[in-house]
Amino acid sequence: MTIEEKLELFKDSAIAEASHQSSVMLAEYRQTLEKMFDTRVAAARQTAQEHIITETDRIRREHNRALSMEQNKIKRDIGEKHHQVKEQIFADVEKMLREYTKTDKYTQTLIRQINEIKKFARGQEVTIYVDPADTEKIPELEAAAGMKLTVSAIPFIGGARAVIPAKNILIDHSFATKLAEEKNNFTI
C-alpha cells in the first residue's frame, strides 16, 4: 500500500470517525434540545393552566359580585313594591272605613261598643270618647247608651275609646288603632 493509499484510507477513516462523532454529538444535542423543549412546554402549559384557573376564579368572583348586586337590587325593588301595595291597600281600607262611618250599621257598631265598655266598667266611673266626625250622632248614642259621651280632641277615624280612672284602664276600639295594628302585622 502506498502512502497515498494509506493517506486516503486514513482520510476516509478520519472522515468516517468524525461523521460518527458528529452524528453522536448531534443526536445528544438534539436530545438535550428536545428535553429543554419538553421542559419549557410543560412549564408554559403549567403557567397557562394557572393563568386559566386564576382568570376563571376572577371571572367567577366578578360574576358572583354582579349577581349579588342584582339580587339586592331586585330585593329592594320587591320590598319597595310591597310597601307601595301595602300603603295602597291600607289607603283603600281607610277610605272604606270612612264610608262605613256614614252608615246606620256604623251607628249600631258604636252603640254596641259603648254598651260593651259600660259592661266592662261594671258601674265604675267611665269616660267614653267618640270621634269628632261623630258629633252629630251624639244625641242618638247618648240616648241608646243612657250616659253622657265626650267628643275626643284627637280624631281616630271612628269607633270609641274609653278611660276607667279607678282601674287605670284605657279601652281603645278606635278604627285608627285597629288599622295601625293590622298594618303592623300585615305581610304580603
C-alpha atoms as a PDB file:
ATOM      1  CA  MET A   1       0.000   0.000   0.000  1.00  0.00           C
ATOM      2  CA  THR A   2       1.348   3.293  -0.983  1.00  0.00           C
ATOM      3  CA  ILE A   3       1.436   6.382   1.115  1.00  0.00           C
ATOM      4  CA  GLU A   4      -1.263   7.920  -0.913  1.00  0.00           C
ATOM      5  CA  GLU A   5      -3.463   4.917  -0.414  1.00  0.00           C
ATOM      6  CA  LYS A   6      -2.656   4.987   3.285  1.00  0.00           C
ATOM      7  CA  LEU A   7      -3.464   8.673   3.359  1.00  0.00           C
ATOM      8  CA  GLU A   8      -6.654   8.026   1.501  1.00  0.00           C
ATOM      9  CA  LEU A   9      -7.539   5.222   3.928  1.00  0.00           C
ATOM     10  CA  PHE A  10      -6.613   7.425   6.902  1.00  0.00           C
ATOM     11  CA  LYS A  11      -8.621  10.283   5.444  1.00  0.00           C
ATOM     12  CA  ASP A  12     -11.655   8.024   4.872  1.00  0.00           C
ATOM     13  CA  SER A  13     -11.278   6.578   8.355  1.00  0.00           C
ATOM     14  CA  ALA A  14     -10.944  10.054   9.929  1.00  0.00           C
ATOM     15  CA  ILE A  15     -13.932  11.355   7.980  1.00  0.00           C
ATOM     16  CA  ALA A  16     -15.962   8.280   8.983  1.00  0.00           C
ATOM     17  CA  GLU A  17     -14.943   8.728  12.649  1.00  0.00           C
ATOM     18  CA  ALA A  18     -15.669  12.457  12.512  1.00  0.00           C
ATOM     19  CA  SER A  19     -19.016  11.800  10.862  1.00  0.00           C
ATOM     20  CA  HIS A  20     -19.823   9.219  13.501  1.00  0.00           C
ATOM     21  CA  GLN A  21     -18.777  11.559  16.341  1.00  0.00           C
ATOM     22  CA  SER A  22     -20.674  14.404  14.679  1.00  0.00           C
ATOM     23  CA  SER A  23     -23.761  12.205  14.422  1.00  0.00           C
ATOM     24  CA  VAL A  24     -23.457  11.181  18.092  1.00  0.00           C
ATOM     25  CA  MET A  25     -22.897  14.798  19.194  1.00  0.00           C
ATOM     26  CA  LEU A  26     -25.751  15.964  17.011  1.00  0.00           C
ATOM     27  CA  ALA A  27     -28.047  13.262  18.463  1.00  0.00           C
ATOM     28  CA  GLU A  28     -27.031  14.231  22.019  1.00  0.00           C
ATOM     29  CA  TYR A  29     -27.537  17.916  21.259  1.00  0.00           C
ATOM     30  CA  ARG A  30     -30.920  17.155  19.657  1.00  0.00           C
ATOM     31  CA  GLN A  31     -31.888  15.067  22.708  1.00  0.00           C
ATOM     32  CA  THR A  32     -30.833  17.885  25.045  1.00  0.00           C
ATOM     33  CA  LEU A  33     -32.775  20.424  22.977  1.00  0.00           C
ATOM     34  CA  GLU A  34     -35.841  18.149  22.968  1.00  0.00           C
ATOM     35  CA  LYS A  35     -35.625  17.791  26.775  1.00  0.00           C
ATOM     36  CA  MET A  36     -35.315  21.576  27.119  1.00  0.00           C
ATOM     37  CA  PHE A  37     -38.227  21.990  24.715  1.00  0.00           C
ATOM     38  CA  ASP A  38     -40.372  19.487  26.659  1.00  0.00           C
ATOM     39  CA  THR A  39     -39.464  21.202  29.953  1.00  0.00           C
ATOM     40  CA  ARG A  40     -40.354  24.610  28.573  1.00  0.00           C
ATOM     41  CA  VAL A  41     -43.572  23.306  27.021  1.00  0.00           C
ATOM     42  CA  ALA A  42     -44.534  21.722  30.363  1.00  0.00           C
ATOM     43  CA  ALA A  43     -43.688  24.964  32.204  1.00  0.00           C
ATOM     44  CA  ALA A  44     -45.661  27.005  29.674  1.00  0.00           C
ATOM     45  CA  ARG A  45     -48.627  24.639  29.995  1.00  0.00           C
ATOM     46  CA  GLN A  46     -48.429  24.834  33.794  1.00  0.00           C
ATOM     47  CA  THR A  47     -48.278  28.639  33.633  1.00  0.00           C
ATOM     48  CA  ALA A  48     -51.177  28.692  31.187  1.00  0.00           C
ATOM     49  CA  GLN A  49     -53.191  26.334  33.414  1.00  0.00           C
ATOM     50  CA  GLU A  50     -52.505  28.502  36.472  1.00  0.00           C
ATOM     51  CA  HIS A  51     -53.480  31.596  34.467  1.00  0.00           C
ATOM     52  CA  ILE A  52     -56.708  29.898  33.356  1.00  0.00           C
ATOM     53  CA  ILE A  53     -57.519  28.947  36.965  1.00  0.00           C
ATOM     54  CA  THR A  54     -56.732  32.462  38.201  1.00  0.00           C
ATOM     55  CA  GLU A  55     -58.785  34.131  35.486  1.00  0.00           C
ATOM     56  CA  THR A  56     -61.641  31.657  35.960  1.00  0.00           C
ATOM     57  CA  ASP A  57     -61.709  32.442  39.689  1.00  0.00           C
ATOM     58  CA  ARG A  58     -61.565  36.192  38.997  1.00  0.00           C
ATOM     59  CA  ILE A  59     -64.394  35.967  36.463  1.00  0.00           C
ATOM     60  CA  ARG A  60     -66.439  33.806  38.863  1.00  0.00           C
ATOM     61  CA  ARG A  61     -65.924  36.338  41.682  1.00  0.00           C
ATOM     62  CA  GLU A  62     -66.917  39.218  39.392  1.00  0.00           C
ATOM     63  CA  HIS A  63     -69.951  37.258  38.249  1.00  0.00           C
ATOM     64  CA  ASN A  64     -70.965  36.432  41.837  1.00  0.00           C
ATOM     65  CA  ARG A  65     -70.491  40.070  42.884  1.00  0.00           C
ATOM     66  CA  ALA A  66     -72.603  41.288  39.961  1.00  0.00           C
ATOM     67  CA  LEU A  67     -75.206  38.619  40.695  1.00  0.00           C
ATOM     68  CA  SER A  68     -75.301  39.583  44.377  1.00  0.00           C
ATOM     69  CA  MET A  69     -75.695  43.257  43.499  1.00  0.00           C
ATOM     70  CA  GLU A  70     -78.529  42.434  41.103  1.00  0.00           C
ATOM     71  CA  GLN A  71     -80.224  40.208  43.699  1.00  0.00           C
ATOM     72  CA  ASN A  72     -80.004  43.016  46.269  1.00  0.00           C
ATOM     73  CA  LYS A  73     -81.461  45.465  43.762  1.00  0.00           C
ATOM     74  CA  ILE A  74     -84.308  43.065  42.996  1.00  0.00           C
ATOM     75  CA  LYS A  75     -84.956  42.561  46.737  1.00  0.00           C
ATOM     76  CA  ARG A  76     -85.032  46.339  47.237  1.00  0.00           C
ATOM     77  CA  ASP A  77     -87.401  46.738  44.285  1.00  0.00           C
ATOM     78  CA  ILE A  78     -89.658  43.980  45.603  1.00  0.00           C
ATOM     79  CA  GLY A  79     -89.574  45.497  49.096  1.00  0.00           C
ATOM     80  CA  GLU A  80     -90.448  48.902  47.690  1.00  0.00           C
ATOM     81  CA  LYS A  81     -93.266  47.415  45.609  1.00  0.00           C
ATOM     82  CA  HIS A  82     -94.585  45.538  48.675  1.00  0.00           C
ATOM     83  CA  HIS A  83     -94.517  48.797  50.620  1.00  0.00           C
ATOM     84  CA  GLN A  84     -96.397  50.611  47.837  1.00  0.00           C
ATOM     85  CA  VAL A  85     -99.003  47.842  47.594  1.00  0.00           C
ATOM     86  CA  LYS A  86     -99.385  47.753  51.397  1.00  0.00           C
ATOM     87  CA  GLU A  87     -99.826  51.534  51.538  1.00  0.00           C
ATOM     88  CA  GLN A  88    -102.386  51.399  48.714  1.00  0.00           C
ATOM     89  CA  ILE A  89    -104.302  48.580  50.413  1.00  0.00           C
ATOM     90  CA  PHE A  90    -104.474  50.449  53.713  1.00  0.00           C
ATOM     91  CA  ALA A  91    -105.375  53.710  51.993  1.00  0.00           C
ATOM     92  CA  ASP A  92    -108.266  51.851  50.343  1.00  0.00           C
ATOM     93  CA  VAL A  93    -109.266  50.265  53.666  1.00  0.00           C
ATOM     94  CA  GLU A  94    -109.192  53.660  55.381  1.00  0.00           C
ATOM     95  CA  LYS A  95    -111.373  55.098  52.607  1.00  0.00           C
ATOM     96  CA  MET A  96    -113.811  52.204  53.048  1.00  0.00           C
ATOM     97  CA  LEU A  97    -113.835  52.775  56.833  1.00  0.00           C
ATOM     98  CA  ARG A  98    -114.628  56.451  56.338  1.00  0.00           C
ATOM     99  CA  GLU A  99    -117.500  55.475  54.039  1.00  0.00           C
ATOM    100  CA  TYR A 100    -118.666  52.891  56.609  1.00  0.00           C
ATOM    101  CA  THR A 101    -118.813  55.588  59.317  1.00  0.00           C
ATOM    102  CA  LYS A 102    -121.597  57.242  57.324  1.00  0.00           C
ATOM    103  CA  THR A 103    -123.890  54.190  57.512  1.00  0.00           C
ATOM    104  CA  ASP A 104    -126.513  53.101  60.046  1.00  0.00           C
ATOM    105  CA  LYS A 105    -124.539  49.912  60.680  1.00  0.00           C
ATOM    106  CA  TYR A 106    -121.712  52.067  61.999  1.00  0.00           C
ATOM    107  CA  THR A 107    -124.071  53.758  64.454  1.00  0.00           C
ATOM    108  CA  GLN A 108    -125.170  50.308  65.661  1.00  0.00           C
ATOM    109  CA  THR A 109    -121.496  49.312  66.000  1.00  0.00           C
ATOM    110  CA  LEU A 110    -120.832  52.394  68.148  1.00  0.00           C
ATOM    111  CA  ILE A 111    -123.838  51.599  70.371  1.00  0.00           C
ATOM    112  CA  ARG A 112    -122.591  48.002  70.770  1.00  0.00           C
ATOM    113  CA  GLN A 113    -119.045  49.207  71.628  1.00  0.00           C
ATOM    114  CA  ILE A 114    -120.384  51.704  74.186  1.00  0.00           C
ATOM    115  CA  ASN A 115    -122.531  49.007  75.830  1.00  0.00           C
ATOM    116  CA  GLU A 116    -119.534  46.627  75.971  1.00  0.00           C
ATOM    117  CA  ILE A 117    -117.440  49.340  77.617  1.00  0.00           C
ATOM    118  CA  LYS A 118    -120.193  50.041  80.179  1.00  0.00           C
ATOM    119  CA  LYS A 119    -120.472  46.308  80.902  1.00  0.00           C
ATOM    120  CA  PHE A 120    -116.683  46.026  81.359  1.00  0.00           C
ATOM    121  CA  ALA A 121    -116.648  49.039  83.723  1.00  0.00           C
ATOM    122  CA  ARG A 122    -119.229  47.306  85.989  1.00  0.00           C
ATOM    123  CA  GLY A 123    -120.753  50.513  87.263  1.00  0.00           C
ATOM    124  CA  GLN A 124    -117.474  52.333  87.868  1.00  0.00           C
ATOM    125  CA  GLU A 125    -116.949  55.843  86.541  1.00  0.00           C
ATOM    126  CA  VAL A 126    -116.053  55.717  82.843  1.00  0.00           C
ATOM    127  CA  THR A 127    -115.434  58.417  80.230  1.00  0.00           C
ATOM    128  CA  ILE A 128    -116.314  57.326  76.713  1.00  0.00           C
ATOM    129  CA  TYR A 129    -114.899  59.262  73.770  1.00  0.00           C
ATOM    130  CA  VAL A 130    -116.254  59.362  70.237  1.00  0.00           C
ATOM    131  CA  ASP A 131    -114.545  60.652  67.119  1.00  0.00           C
ATOM    132  CA  PRO A 132    -115.050  64.370  66.309  1.00  0.00           C
ATOM    133  CA  ALA A 133    -116.632  63.315  62.994  1.00  0.00           C
ATOM    134  CA  ASP A 134    -119.404  61.564  65.006  1.00  0.00           C
ATOM    135  CA  THR A 135    -120.556  64.738  66.763  1.00  0.00           C
ATOM    136  CA  GLU A 136    -123.964  64.708  65.026  1.00  0.00           C
ATOM    137  CA  LYS A 137    -124.567  61.130  66.260  1.00  0.00           C
ATOM    138  CA  ILE A 138    -124.024  62.009  69.949  1.00  0.00           C
ATOM    139  CA  PRO A 139    -127.727  62.599  70.851  1.00  0.00           C
ATOM    140  CA  GLU A 140    -128.705  59.219  69.378  1.00  0.00           C
ATOM    141  CA  LEU A 141    -125.720  57.456  71.009  1.00  0.00           C
ATOM    142  CA  GLU A 142    -126.330  59.063  74.426  1.00  0.00           C
ATOM    143  CA  ALA A 143    -129.982  58.066  74.284  1.00  0.00           C
ATOM    144  CA  ALA A 144    -129.071  54.458  73.400  1.00  0.00           C
ATOM    145  CA  ALA A 145    -126.282  54.250  75.996  1.00  0.00           C
ATOM    146  CA  GLY A 146    -128.061  56.147  78.744  1.00  0.00           C
ATOM    147  CA  MET A 147    -124.983  58.197  79.602  1.00  0.00           C
ATOM    148  CA  LYS A 148    -123.065  61.326  78.593  1.00  0.00           C
ATOM    149  CA  LEU A 149    -120.390  60.889  75.882  1.00  0.00           C
ATOM    150  CA  THR A 150    -117.336  63.056  75.227  1.00  0.00           C
ATOM    151  CA  VAL A 151    -116.025  64.198  71.844  1.00  0.00           C
ATOM    152  CA  SER A 152    -112.316  63.413  71.531  1.00  0.00           C
ATOM    153  CA  ALA A 153    -109.914  66.226  70.727  1.00  0.00           C
ATOM    154  CA  ILE A 154    -107.950  63.782  68.559  1.00  0.00           C
ATOM    155  CA  PRO A 155    -109.629  62.249  65.504  1.00  0.00           C
ATOM    156  CA  PHE A 156    -109.400  58.444  65.270  1.00  0.00           C
ATOM    157  CA  ILE A 157    -111.445  57.642  62.115  1.00  0.00           C
ATOM    158  CA  GLY A 158    -114.300  56.055  64.078  1.00  0.00           C
ATOM    159  CA  GLY A 159    -115.146  53.678  66.887  1.00  0.00           C
ATOM    160  CA  ALA A 160    -114.962  54.503  70.585  1.00  0.00           C
ATOM    161  CA  ARG A 161    -112.341  54.972  73.259  1.00  0.00           C
ATOM    162  CA  ALA A 162    -112.847  54.924  76.989  1.00  0.00           C
ATOM    163  CA  VAL A 163    -110.989  55.597  80.225  1.00  0.00           C
ATOM    164  CA  ILE A 164    -111.809  53.915  83.525  1.00  0.00           C
ATOM    165  CA  PRO A 165    -109.806  56.018  86.023  1.00  0.00           C
ATOM    166  CA  ALA A 166    -110.425  53.737  89.040  1.00  0.00           C
ATOM    167  CA  LYS A 167    -108.788  50.794  87.258  1.00  0.00           C
ATOM    168  CA  ASN A 168    -106.352  52.955  85.290  1.00  0.00           C
ATOM    169  CA  ILE A 169    -107.565  51.320  82.070  1.00  0.00           C
ATOM    170  CA  LEU A 170    -107.751  52.700  78.546  1.00  0.00           C
ATOM    171  CA  ILE A 171    -110.102  50.856  76.207  1.00  0.00           C
ATOM    172  CA  ASP A 172    -109.445  51.551  72.571  1.00  0.00           C
ATOM    173  CA  HIS A 173    -111.972  50.366  69.982  1.00  0.00           C
ATOM    174  CA  SER A 174    -110.963  53.104  67.531  1.00  0.00           C
ATOM    175  CA  PHE A 175    -110.646  52.266  63.878  1.00  0.00           C
ATOM    176  CA  ALA A 176    -107.345  54.155  63.640  1.00  0.00           C
ATOM    177  CA  THR A 177    -105.745  51.900  66.279  1.00  0.00           C
ATOM    178  CA  LYS A 178    -107.137  48.719  64.752  1.00  0.00           C
ATOM    179  CA  LEU A 179    -105.987  49.843  61.314  1.00  0.00           C
ATOM    180  CA  ALA A 180    -102.485  50.599  62.641  1.00  0.00           C
ATOM    181  CA  GLU A 181    -102.308  47.184  64.349  1.00  0.00           C
ATOM    182  CA  GLU A 182    -103.333  45.429  61.159  1.00  0.00           C
ATOM    183  CA  LYS A 183    -100.853  47.463  59.166  1.00  0.00           C
ATOM    184  CA  ASN A 184     -98.025  46.466  61.527  1.00  0.00           C
ATOM    185  CA  ASN A 185     -98.972  42.772  61.348  1.00  0.00           C
ATOM    186  CA  PHE A 186     -99.719  42.746  57.615  1.00  0.00           C
ATOM    187  CA  THR A 187     -97.400  40.858  55.271  1.00  0.00           C
ATOM    188  CA  ILE A 188     -97.720  40.188  51.591  1.00  0.00           C
END
